[in-house]
Amino acid sequence: MVLEYAGGAVIVTALSTDAYLLVLLNPSANLASLLFELRRHRAQISALV
């Protein structure tokens, strides 16, 4: 899920049934690239939590 607010954007993604990742981005961040990397590495990020 991607939400926009005055200070930029927020990405909320489920890592597992018990964990979510919340990422706050400033307006100059590359949202598309970050979304791609989060989807690509979701399993590895989940293993760290």
N, C-alpha and C. Protein backbone atom coordinates (compact mmCIF):
# COMPACT_ATOMS: atom_id res chain seq x y z
N MET A 1 0.85 -1.16 0.00
CA MET A 1 0.00 0.00 0.00
C MET A 1 0.91 1.23 0.00
N VAL A 2 0.58 2.19 -0.83
CA VAL A 2 1.31 3.45 -0.89
C VAL A 2 0.34 4.58 -0.57
N LEU A 3 0.74 5.41 0.36
CA LEU A 3 -0.05 6.57 0.74
C LEU A 3 0.78 7.83 0.52
N GLU A 4 0.12 8.89 0.10
CA GLU A 4 0.81 10.17 -0.06
C GLU A 4 0.36 11.12 1.03
N TYR A 5 1.30 11.93 1.52
CA TYR A 5 0.97 12.97 2.49
C TYR A 5 1.84 14.18 2.16
N ALA A 6 1.65 15.27 2.88
CA ALA A 6 2.33 16.53 2.55
C ALA A 6 3.85 16.39 2.56
N GLY A 7 4.40 15.53 3.42
CA GLY A 7 5.85 15.39 3.52
C GLY A 7 6.45 14.35 2.62
N GLY A 8 5.67 13.67 1.78
CA GLY A 8 6.21 12.65 0.89
C GLY A 8 5.25 11.50 0.71
N ALA A 9 5.76 10.29 0.88
CA ALA A 9 4.95 9.09 0.70
C ALA A 9 5.25 8.09 1.81
N VAL A 10 4.32 7.16 1.98
CA VAL A 10 4.46 6.09 2.96
C VAL A 10 4.20 4.78 2.23
N ILE A 11 5.08 3.80 2.45
CA ILE A 11 4.88 2.46 1.92
C ILE A 11 4.64 1.54 3.11
N VAL A 12 3.56 0.77 3.05
CA VAL A 12 3.27 -0.24 4.07
C VAL A 12 3.19 -1.57 3.34
N THR A 13 3.99 -2.52 3.77
CA THR A 13 4.00 -3.83 3.13
C THR A 13 4.06 -4.93 4.17
N ALA A 14 3.37 -6.02 3.92
CA ALA A 14 3.37 -7.16 4.83
C ALA A 14 4.61 -8.01 4.55
N LEU A 15 5.37 -8.26 5.61
CA LEU A 15 6.53 -9.15 5.49
C LEU A 15 6.15 -10.58 5.83
N SER A 16 5.21 -10.73 6.74
CA SER A 16 4.70 -12.04 7.13
C SER A 16 3.33 -11.82 7.75
N THR A 17 2.73 -12.86 8.28
CA THR A 17 1.43 -12.70 8.93
C THR A 17 1.54 -11.91 10.23
N ASP A 18 2.75 -11.82 10.78
CA ASP A 18 2.97 -11.13 12.06
C ASP A 18 3.72 -9.82 11.95
N ALA A 19 4.25 -9.48 10.78
CA ALA A 19 5.11 -8.30 10.68
C ALA A 19 4.79 -7.47 9.44
N TYR A 20 4.78 -6.17 9.64
CA TYR A 20 4.61 -5.21 8.55
C TYR A 20 5.82 -4.28 8.53
N LEU A 21 6.13 -3.77 7.35
CA LEU A 21 7.21 -2.81 7.20
C LEU A 21 6.60 -1.48 6.78
N LEU A 22 6.96 -0.42 7.49
CA LEU A 22 6.50 0.93 7.19
C LEU A 22 7.71 1.74 6.78
N VAL A 23 7.66 2.33 5.59
CA VAL A 23 8.76 3.14 5.08
C VAL A 23 8.24 4.53 4.78
N LEU A 24 8.88 5.55 5.35
CA LEU A 24 8.54 6.95 5.09
C LEU A 24 9.53 7.51 4.09
N LEU A 25 9.02 8.14 3.04
CA LEU A 25 9.90 8.69 2.00
C LEU A 25 9.73 10.20 1.90
N ASN A 26 10.82 10.87 1.63
CA ASN A 26 10.71 12.29 1.36
C ASN A 26 10.30 12.47 -0.10
N PRO A 27 9.83 13.64 -0.47
CA PRO A 27 9.29 13.84 -1.84
C PRO A 27 10.30 13.56 -2.96
N SER A 28 11.59 13.67 -2.70
CA SER A 28 12.58 13.46 -3.76
C SER A 28 13.00 12.00 -3.92
N ALA A 29 12.49 11.11 -3.08
CA ALA A 29 12.86 9.69 -3.15
C ALA A 29 12.29 9.04 -4.41
N ASN A 30 12.99 8.05 -4.91
CA ASN A 30 12.54 7.32 -6.09
C ASN A 30 11.59 6.21 -5.65
N LEU A 31 10.32 6.50 -5.64
CA LEU A 31 9.29 5.59 -5.14
C LEU A 31 9.23 4.31 -5.96
N ALA A 32 9.26 4.39 -7.26
CA ALA A 32 9.14 3.21 -8.12
C ALA A 32 10.30 2.24 -7.88
N SER A 33 11.50 2.75 -7.78
CA SER A 33 12.67 1.91 -7.55
C SER A 33 12.60 1.23 -6.19
N LEU A 34 12.18 1.96 -5.18
CA LEU A 34 12.07 1.37 -3.84
C LEU A 34 10.99 0.29 -3.80
N LEU A 35 9.86 0.53 -4.43
CA LEU A 35 8.81 -0.50 -4.49
C LEU A 35 9.32 -1.77 -5.16
N PHE A 36 10.04 -1.60 -6.25
CA PHE A 36 10.60 -2.76 -6.95
C PHE A 36 11.54 -3.54 -6.04
N GLU A 37 12.45 -2.84 -5.35
CA GLU A 37 13.42 -3.50 -4.47
C GLU A 37 12.74 -4.16 -3.27
N LEU A 38 11.72 -3.54 -2.72
CA LEU A 38 11.01 -4.14 -1.59
C LEU A 38 10.32 -5.43 -2.02
N ARG A 39 9.70 -5.43 -3.18
CA ARG A 39 9.04 -6.64 -3.66
C ARG A 39 10.07 -7.72 -3.98
N ARG A 40 11.16 -7.33 -4.56
CA ARG A 40 12.21 -8.26 -4.96
C ARG A 40 12.88 -8.93 -3.75
N HIS A 41 13.06 -8.17 -2.67
CA HIS A 41 13.81 -8.67 -1.51
C HIS A 41 12.94 -8.90 -0.28
N ARG A 42 11.65 -9.02 -0.46
CA ARG A 42 10.73 -9.18 0.67
C ARG A 42 11.08 -10.38 1.54
N ALA A 43 11.41 -11.51 0.96
CA ALA A 43 11.74 -12.71 1.75
C ALA A 43 13.00 -12.50 2.58
N GLN A 44 14.00 -11.85 2.01
CA GLN A 44 15.25 -11.60 2.73
C GLN A 44 15.03 -10.61 3.88
N ILE A 45 14.22 -9.58 3.65
CA ILE A 45 13.92 -8.61 4.69
C ILE A 45 13.13 -9.28 5.80
N SER A 46 12.18 -10.12 5.44
CA SER A 46 11.38 -10.82 6.41
C SER A 46 12.23 -11.72 7.30
N ALA A 47 13.24 -12.34 6.73
CA ALA A 47 14.13 -13.22 7.49
C ALA A 47 14.93 -12.45 8.55
N LEU A 48 15.13 -11.16 8.32
CA LEU A 48 15.89 -10.33 9.28
C LEU A 48 15.05 -9.92 10.48
N VAL A 49 13.73 -9.95 10.33
CA VAL A 49 12.85 -9.47 11.40
C VAL A 49 12.58 -10.58 12.40
